[in-house]
């Protein structure tokens, strides 16, 4: 059976709110046919827009929401499909 998707997290960016590692995320997306979920460093709508351009299947964000840096309702309104 195998994996159905990949959760890709940039360890150096995780929890920093400094933005995702777009280069590494793009490389991961391009290296597999599995859906890739991006995590680590995501702190803004701008970060989500940049990740959308990498063709990730989704994102994980936590700290940005807990600390009020990212408006979850706004993000869902703009990106939920």
PDB file of N, CA and C in Angstrom:
ATOM      1  N   UNK A   1       0.813  -1.189   0.000  1.00  0.00           N
ATOM      2  CA  UNK A   1       0.000   0.000   0.000  1.00  0.00           C
ATOM      3  C   UNK A   1       0.857   1.254   0.000  1.00  0.00           C
ATOM      4  N   UNK A   2       1.705   1.445   0.980  1.00  0.00           N
ATOM      5  CA  UNK A   2       2.594   2.607   0.999  1.00  0.00           C
ATOM      6  C   UNK A   2       1.941   3.879   1.494  1.00  0.00           C
ATOM      7  N   UNK A   3       2.660   4.959   1.326  1.00  0.00           N
ATOM      8  CA  UNK A   3       2.212   6.275   1.796  1.00  0.00           C
ATOM      9  C   UNK A   3       1.185   6.878   0.852  1.00  0.00           C
ATOM     10  N   UNK A   4       0.274   7.656   1.421  1.00  0.00           N
ATOM     11  CA  UNK A   4      -0.725   8.355   0.623  1.00  0.00           C
ATOM     12  C   UNK A   4      -0.389   9.819   0.411  1.00  0.00           C
ATOM     13  N   UNK A   5       0.504  10.348   1.255  1.00  0.00           N
ATOM     14  CA  UNK A   5       0.932  11.734   1.161  1.00  0.00           C
ATOM     15  C   UNK A   5       2.205  11.908   1.978  1.00  0.00           C
ATOM     16  N   UNK A   6       2.864  13.062   1.819  1.00  0.00           N
ATOM     17  CA  UNK A   6       4.095  13.368   2.548  1.00  0.00           C
ATOM     18  C   UNK A   6       3.889  14.659   3.329  1.00  0.00           C
ATOM     19  N   UNK A   7       4.218  14.622   4.629  1.00  0.00           N
ATOM     20  CA  UNK A   7       4.257  15.836   5.444  1.00  0.00           C
ATOM     21  C   UNK A   7       5.704  16.304   5.441  1.00  0.00           C
ATOM     22  N   UNK A   8       5.965  17.427   4.774  1.00  0.00           N
ATOM     23  CA  UNK A   8       7.324  17.945   4.639  1.00  0.00           C
ATOM     24  C   UNK A   8       7.488  19.166   5.522  1.00  0.00           C
ATOM     25  N   UNK A   9       8.383  19.063   6.494  1.00  0.00           N
ATOM     26  CA  UNK A   9       8.638  20.170   7.413  1.00  0.00           C
ATOM     27  C   UNK A   9      10.111  20.534   7.381  1.00  0.00           C
ATOM     28  N   UNK A  10      10.372  21.800   7.227  1.00  0.00           N
ATOM     29  CA  UNK A  10      11.737  22.298   7.280  1.00  0.00           C
ATOM     30  C   UNK A  10      12.103  22.484   8.751  1.00  0.00           C
ATOM     31  N   UNK A  11      12.940  21.595   9.275  1.00  0.00           N
ATOM     32  CA  UNK A  11      13.261  21.598  10.702  1.00  0.00           C
ATOM     33  C   UNK A  11      13.824  22.938  11.175  1.00  0.00           C
ATOM     34  N   UNK A  12      14.652  23.574  10.345  1.00  0.00           N
ATOM     35  CA  UNK A  12      15.246  24.846  10.775  1.00  0.00           C
ATOM     36  C   UNK A  12      14.233  25.988  10.797  1.00  0.00           C
ATOM     37  N   UNK A  13      13.124  25.851  10.082  1.00  0.00           N
ATOM     38  CA  UNK A  13      12.107  26.905  10.050  1.00  0.00           C
ATOM     39  C   UNK A  13      10.970  26.653  11.038  1.00  0.00           C
ATOM     40  N   UNK A  14      10.819  25.413  11.490  1.00  0.00           N
ATOM     41  CA  UNK A  14       9.687  25.047  12.340  1.00  0.00           C
ATOM     42  C   UNK A  14       9.652  25.888  13.614  1.00  0.00           C
ATOM     43  N   UNK A  15       8.528  26.545  13.839  1.00  0.00           N
ATOM     44  CA  UNK A  15       8.333  27.345  15.038  1.00  0.00           C
ATOM     45  C   UNK A  15       8.970  28.719  15.019  1.00  0.00           C
ATOM     46  N   UNK A  16       9.621  29.085  13.922  1.00  0.00           N
ATOM     47  CA  UNK A  16      10.338  30.363  13.875  1.00  0.00           C
ATOM     48  C   UNK A  16       9.503  31.524  13.343  1.00  0.00           C
ATOM     49  N   UNK A  17       8.450  31.211  12.589  1.00  0.00           N
ATOM     50  CA  UNK A  17       7.605  32.226  11.947  1.00  0.00           C
ATOM     51  C   UNK A  17       8.405  33.106  10.987  1.00  0.00           C
ATOM     52  N   UNK A  18       9.474  32.558  10.429  1.00  0.00           N
ATOM     53  CA  UNK A  18      10.332  33.323   9.518  1.00  0.00           C
ATOM     54  C   UNK A  18      10.071  33.007   8.056  1.00  0.00           C
ATOM     55  N   UNK A  19       9.049  32.235   7.789  1.00  0.00           N
ATOM     56  CA  UNK A  19       8.719  31.866   6.419  1.00  0.00           C
ATOM     57  C   UNK A  19       9.163  30.451   6.107  1.00  0.00           C
ATOM     58  N   UNK A  20       8.471  29.817   5.183  1.00  0.00           N
ATOM     59  CA  UNK A  20       8.800  28.443   4.818  1.00  0.00           C
ATOM     60  C   UNK A  20      10.047  28.375   3.938  1.00  0.00           C
ATOM     61  N   UNK A  21      10.646  27.211   3.888  1.00  0.00           N
ATOM     62  CA  UNK A  21      11.784  26.979   3.000  1.00  0.00           C
ATOM     63  C   UNK A  21      11.213  26.622   1.630  1.00  0.00           C
ATOM     64  N   UNK A  22      11.036  27.620   0.796  1.00  0.00           N
ATOM     65  CA  UNK A  22      10.377  27.428  -0.500  1.00  0.00           C
ATOM     66  C   UNK A  22      11.205  26.565  -1.446  1.00  0.00           C
ATOM     67  N   UNK A  23      12.512  26.732  -1.420  1.00  0.00           N
ATOM     68  CA  UNK A  23      13.366  25.952  -2.318  1.00  0.00           C
ATOM     69  C   UNK A  23      13.272  24.458  -1.999  1.00  0.00           C
ATOM     70  N   UNK A  24      13.417  24.103  -0.740  1.00  0.00           N
ATOM     71  CA  UNK A  24      13.347  22.694  -0.349  1.00  0.00           C
ATOM     72  C   UNK A  24      11.950  22.127  -0.581  1.00  0.00           C
ATOM     73  N   UNK A  25      10.926  22.929  -0.312  1.00  0.00           N
ATOM     74  CA  UNK A  25       9.551  22.474  -0.528  1.00  0.00           C
ATOM     75  C   UNK A  25       9.298  22.215  -2.006  1.00  0.00           C
ATOM     76  N   UNK A  26       9.747  23.116  -2.851  1.00  0.00           N
ATOM     77  CA  UNK A  26       9.593  22.933  -4.298  1.00  0.00           C
ATOM     78  C   UNK A  26      10.300  21.665  -4.758  1.00  0.00           C
ATOM     79  N   UNK A  27      11.505  21.440  -4.257  1.00  0.00           N
ATOM     80  CA  UNK A  27      12.242  20.227  -4.622  1.00  0.00           C
ATOM     81  C   UNK A  27      11.478  18.974  -4.215  1.00  0.00           C
ATOM     82  N   UNK A  28      10.886  18.990  -3.024  1.00  0.00           N
ATOM     83  CA  UNK A  28      10.123  17.829  -2.562  1.00  0.00           C
ATOM     84  C   UNK A  28       8.911  17.597  -3.456  1.00  0.00           C
ATOM     85  N   UNK A  29       8.163  18.652  -3.754  1.00  0.00           N
ATOM     86  CA  UNK A  29       6.974  18.525  -4.607  1.00  0.00           C
ATOM     87  C   UNK A  29       7.353  17.953  -5.971  1.00  0.00           C
ATOM     88  N   UNK A  30       8.453  18.432  -6.522  1.00  0.00           N
ATOM     89  CA  UNK A  30       8.871  17.992  -7.854  1.00  0.00           C
ATOM     90  C   UNK A  30       9.462  16.584  -7.865  1.00  0.00           C
ATOM     91  N   UNK A  31       9.843  16.075  -6.700  1.00  0.00           N
ATOM     92  CA  UNK A  31      10.509  14.773  -6.646  1.00  0.00           C
ATOM     93  C   UNK A  31       9.566  13.596  -6.415  1.00  0.00           C
ATOM     94  N   UNK A  32       8.278  13.861  -6.245  1.00  0.00           N
ATOM     95  CA  UNK A  32       7.342  12.785  -5.938  1.00  0.00           C
ATOM     96  C   UNK A  32       6.003  13.014  -6.621  1.00  0.00           C
ATOM     97  N   UNK A  33       5.286  11.930  -6.815  1.00  0.00           N
ATOM     98  CA  UNK A  33       3.926  12.048  -7.348  1.00  0.00           C
ATOM     99  C   UNK A  33       2.902  12.101  -6.217  1.00  0.00           C
ATOM    100  N   UNK A  34       3.359  11.902  -4.981  1.00  0.00           N
ATOM    101  CA  UNK A  34       2.460  11.967  -3.829  1.00  0.00           C
ATOM    102  C   UNK A  34       2.124  13.419  -3.489  1.00  0.00           C
ATOM    103  N   UNK A  35       0.942  13.665  -2.939  1.00  0.00           N
ATOM    104  CA  UNK A  35       0.633  15.011  -2.448  1.00  0.00           C
ATOM    105  C   UNK A  35       1.587  15.375  -1.307  1.00  0.00           C
ATOM    106  N   UNK A  36       2.050  16.619  -1.300  1.00  0.00           N
ATOM    107  CA  UNK A  36       2.964  17.100  -0.265  1.00  0.00           C
ATOM    108  C   UNK A  36       2.254  18.156   0.569  1.00  0.00           C
ATOM    109  N   UNK A  37       2.287  17.965   1.889  1.00  0.00           N
ATOM    110  CA  UNK A  37       1.754  18.933   2.843  1.00  0.00           C
ATOM    111  C   UNK A  37       2.957  19.658   3.440  1.00  0.00           C
ATOM    112  N   UNK A  38       2.979  20.988   3.357  1.00  0.00           N
ATOM    113  CA  UNK A  38       4.118  21.777   3.833  1.00  0.00           C
ATOM    114  C   UNK A  38       3.889  22.273   5.253  1.00  0.00           C
ATOM    115  N   UNK A  39       4.962  22.293   6.034  1.00  0.00           N
ATOM    116  CA  UNK A  39       4.911  22.800   7.402  1.00  0.00           C
ATOM    117  C   UNK A  39       6.236  23.480   7.721  1.00  0.00           C
ATOM    118  N   UNK A  40       6.216  24.329   8.744  1.00  0.00           N
ATOM    119  CA  UNK A  40       7.441  24.954   9.216  1.00  0.00           C
ATOM    120  C   UNK A  40       7.618  26.384   8.744  1.00  0.00           C
ATOM    121  N   UNK A  41       7.576  27.324   9.683  1.00  0.00           N
ATOM    122  CA  UNK A  41       7.876  28.717   9.393  1.00  0.00           C
ATOM    123  C   UNK A  41       6.735  29.549   8.842  1.00  0.00           C
ATOM    124  N   UNK A  42       5.605  28.940   8.553  1.00  0.00           N
ATOM    125  CA  UNK A  42       4.484  29.643   7.917  1.00  0.00           C
ATOM    126  C   UNK A  42       3.865  30.624   8.911  1.00  0.00           C
ATOM    127  N   UNK A  43       3.811  31.906   8.516  1.00  0.00           N
ATOM    128  CA  UNK A  43       3.320  32.908   9.465  1.00  0.00           C
ATOM    129  C   UNK A  43       2.384  33.945   8.868  1.00  0.00           C
ATOM    130  N   UNK A  44       2.097  33.850   7.565  1.00  0.00           N
ATOM    131  CA  UNK A  44       1.297  34.912   6.956  1.00  0.00           C
ATOM    132  C   UNK A  44       0.574  34.423   5.706  1.00  0.00           C
ATOM    133  N   UNK A  45      -0.371  35.226   5.268  1.00  0.00           N
ATOM    134  CA  UNK A  45      -1.062  34.967   4.001  1.00  0.00           C
ATOM    135  C   UNK A  45      -0.036  34.956   2.866  1.00  0.00           C
ATOM    136  N   UNK A  46       0.937  35.837   2.933  1.00  0.00           N
ATOM    137  CA  UNK A  46       1.990  35.897   1.908  1.00  0.00           C
ATOM    138  C   UNK A  46       2.752  34.570   1.834  1.00  0.00           C
ATOM    139  N   UNK A  47       3.050  33.975   2.993  1.00  0.00           N
ATOM    140  CA  UNK A  47       3.720  32.671   3.011  1.00  0.00           C
ATOM    141  C   UNK A  47       2.853  31.602   2.352  1.00  0.00           C
ATOM    142  N   UNK A  48       1.565  31.623   2.626  1.00  0.00           N
ATOM    143  CA  UNK A  48       0.651  30.642   2.034  1.00  0.00           C
ATOM    144  C   UNK A  48       0.578  30.835   0.524  1.00  0.00           C
ATOM    145  N   UNK A  49       0.525  32.083   0.080  1.00  0.00           N
ATOM    146  CA  UNK A  49       0.518  32.354  -1.366  1.00  0.00           C
ATOM    147  C   UNK A  49       1.781  31.811  -2.027  1.00  0.00           C
ATOM    148  N   UNK A  50       2.918  32.017  -1.381  1.00  0.00           N
ATOM    149  CA  UNK A  50       4.183  31.521  -1.931  1.00  0.00           C
ATOM    150  C   UNK A  50       4.183  29.998  -1.992  1.00  0.00           C
ATOM    151  N   UNK A  51       3.657  29.355  -0.969  1.00  0.00           N
ATOM    152  CA  UNK A  51       3.581  27.892  -0.969  1.00  0.00           C
ATOM    153  C   UNK A  51       2.603  27.385  -2.013  1.00  0.00           C
ATOM    154  N   UNK A  52       1.532  28.119  -2.232  1.00  0.00           N
ATOM    155  CA  UNK A  52       0.564  27.728  -3.257  1.00  0.00           C
ATOM    156  C   UNK A  52       1.255  27.635  -4.620  1.00  0.00           C
ATOM    157  N   UNK A  53       2.193  28.516  -4.872  1.00  0.00           N
ATOM    158  CA  UNK A  53       2.942  28.509  -6.132  1.00  0.00           C
ATOM    159  C   UNK A  53       3.848  27.291  -6.279  1.00  0.00           C
ATOM    160  N   UNK A  54       4.163  26.616  -5.171  1.00  0.00           N
ATOM    161  CA  UNK A  54       4.997  25.411  -5.235  1.00  0.00           C
ATOM    162  C   UNK A  54       4.166  24.179  -5.568  1.00  0.00           C
ATOM    163  N   UNK A  55       2.856  24.333  -5.589  1.00  0.00           N
ATOM    164  CA  UNK A  55       1.918  23.235  -5.888  1.00  0.00           C
ATOM    165  C   UNK A  55       1.767  22.237  -4.742  1.00  0.00           C
ATOM    166  N   UNK A  56       2.007  22.667  -3.484  1.00  0.00           N
ATOM    167  CA  UNK A  56       1.750  21.777  -2.358  1.00  0.00           C
ATOM    168  C   UNK A  56       0.254  21.485  -2.290  1.00  0.00           C
ATOM    169  N   UNK A  57      -0.075  20.343  -1.707  1.00  0.00           N
ATOM    170  CA  UNK A  57      -1.475  19.944  -1.579  1.00  0.00           C
ATOM    171  C   UNK A  57      -2.141  20.607  -0.380  1.00  0.00           C
ATOM    172  N   UNK A  58      -1.339  21.081   0.571  1.00  0.00           N
ATOM    173  CA  UNK A  58      -1.882  21.716   1.762  1.00  0.00           C
ATOM    174  C   UNK A  58      -0.761  22.216   2.651  1.00  0.00           C
ATOM    175  N   UNK A  59      -1.150  22.844   3.751  1.00  0.00           N
ATOM    176  CA  UNK A  59      -0.163  23.364   4.703  1.00  0.00           C
ATOM    177  C   UNK A  59      -0.587  23.027   6.123  1.00  0.00           C
ATOM    178  N   UNK A  60       0.389  23.092   7.024  1.00  0.00           N
ATOM    179  CA  UNK A  60       0.150  22.970   8.458  1.00  0.00           C
ATOM    180  C   UNK A  60       0.723  24.223   9.092  1.00  0.00           C
ATOM    181  N   UNK A  61      -0.078  24.890   9.885  1.00  0.00           N
ATOM    182  CA  UNK A  61       0.425  26.032  10.640  1.00  0.00           C
ATOM    183  C   UNK A  61      -0.196  25.988  12.025  1.00  0.00           C
ATOM    184  N   UNK A  62       0.561  26.327  13.010  1.00  0.00           N
ATOM    185  CA  UNK A  62       0.071  26.285  14.374  1.00  0.00           C
ATOM    186  C   UNK A  62       0.434  27.542  15.129  1.00  0.00           C
ATOM    187  N   UNK A  63       1.728  27.742  15.332  1.00  0.00           N
ATOM    188  CA  UNK A  63       2.207  28.861  16.142  1.00  0.00           C
ATOM    189  C   UNK A  63       1.695  30.204  15.632  1.00  0.00           C
ATOM    190  N   UNK A  64       1.658  30.384  14.316  1.00  0.00           N
ATOM    191  CA  UNK A  64       1.199  31.659  13.751  1.00  0.00           C
ATOM    192  C   UNK A  64      -0.247  31.951  14.139  1.00  0.00           C
ATOM    193  N   UNK A  65      -1.058  30.913  14.217  1.00  0.00           N
ATOM    194  CA  UNK A  65      -2.460  31.093  14.618  1.00  0.00           C
ATOM    195  C   UNK A  65      -2.535  31.375  16.113  1.00  0.00           C
ATOM    196  N   UNK A  66      -1.811  30.569  16.914  1.00  0.00           N
ATOM    197  CA  UNK A  66      -1.847  30.739  18.371  1.00  0.00           C
ATOM    198  C   UNK A  66      -1.351  32.104  18.804  1.00  0.00           C
ATOM    199  N   UNK A  67      -0.375  32.637  18.078  1.00  0.00           N
ATOM    200  CA  UNK A  67       0.210  33.930  18.447  1.00  0.00           C
ATOM    201  C   UNK A  67      -0.443  35.111  17.737  1.00  0.00           C
ATOM    202  N   UNK A  68      -1.501  34.860  16.972  1.00  0.00           N
ATOM    203  CA  UNK A  68      -2.242  35.935  16.326  1.00  0.00           C
ATOM    204  C   UNK A  68      -1.572  36.538  15.106  1.00  0.00           C
ATOM    205  N   UNK A  69      -0.581  35.867  14.546  1.00  0.00           N
ATOM    206  CA  UNK A  69       0.113  36.371  13.352  1.00  0.00           C
ATOM    207  C   UNK A  69      -0.662  36.059  12.076  1.00  0.00           C
ATOM    208  N   UNK A  70      -1.444  34.989  12.116  1.00  0.00           N
ATOM    209  CA  UNK A  70      -2.198  34.545  10.946  1.00  0.00           C
ATOM    210  C   UNK A  70      -3.669  34.441  11.312  1.00  0.00           C
ATOM    211  N   UNK A  71      -4.512  35.104  10.552  1.00  0.00           N
ATOM    212  CA  UNK A  71      -5.956  35.063  10.764  1.00  0.00           C
ATOM    213  C   UNK A  71      -6.507  33.817  10.069  1.00  0.00           C
ATOM    214  N   UNK A  72      -6.870  32.814  10.857  1.00  0.00           N
ATOM    215  CA  UNK A  72      -7.335  31.543  10.307  1.00  0.00           C
ATOM    216  C   UNK A  72      -8.572  31.720   9.435  1.00  0.00           C
ATOM    217  N   UNK A  73      -9.521  32.522   9.868  1.00  0.00           N
ATOM    218  CA  UNK A  73     -10.737  32.732   9.070  1.00  0.00           C
ATOM    219  C   UNK A  73     -10.406  33.330   7.708  1.00  0.00           C
ATOM    220  N   UNK A  74      -9.519  34.308   7.684  1.00  0.00           N
ATOM    221  CA  UNK A  74      -9.113  34.933   6.420  1.00  0.00           C
ATOM    222  C   UNK A  74      -8.390  33.924   5.528  1.00  0.00           C
ATOM    223  N   UNK A  75      -7.497  33.148   6.115  1.00  0.00           N
ATOM    224  CA  UNK A  75      -6.759  32.147   5.335  1.00  0.00           C
ATOM    225  C   UNK A  75      -7.710  31.114   4.737  1.00  0.00           C
ATOM    226  N   UNK A  76      -8.657  30.643   5.526  1.00  0.00           N
ATOM    227  CA  UNK A  76      -9.622  29.664   5.009  1.00  0.00           C
ATOM    228  C   UNK A  76     -10.479  30.266   3.905  1.00  0.00           C
ATOM    229  N   UNK A  77     -10.894  31.508   4.101  1.00  0.00           N
ATOM    230  CA  UNK A  77     -11.713  32.182   3.092  1.00  0.00           C
ATOM    231  C   UNK A  77     -10.962  32.294   1.766  1.00  0.00           C
ATOM    232  N   UNK A  78      -9.682  32.580   1.838  1.00  0.00           N
ATOM    233  CA  UNK A  78      -8.896  32.797   0.618  1.00  0.00           C
ATOM    234  C   UNK A  78      -8.415  31.520  -0.050  1.00  0.00           C
ATOM    235  N   UNK A  79      -8.171  30.471   0.740  1.00  0.00           N
ATOM    236  CA  UNK A  79      -7.495  29.309   0.164  1.00  0.00           C
ATOM    237  C   UNK A  79      -8.269  27.999   0.211  1.00  0.00           C
ATOM    238  N   UNK A  80      -9.326  27.917   0.993  1.00  0.00           N
ATOM    239  CA  UNK A  80     -10.057  26.653   1.097  1.00  0.00           C
ATOM    240  C   UNK A  80     -10.724  26.315  -0.221  1.00  0.00           C
ATOM    241  N   UNK A  81     -10.528  25.087  -0.661  1.00  0.00           N
ATOM    242  CA  UNK A  81     -11.081  24.653  -1.948  1.00  0.00           C
ATOM    243  C   UNK A  81     -12.177  23.650  -1.747  1.00  0.00           C
TER     244      UNK A  81
END
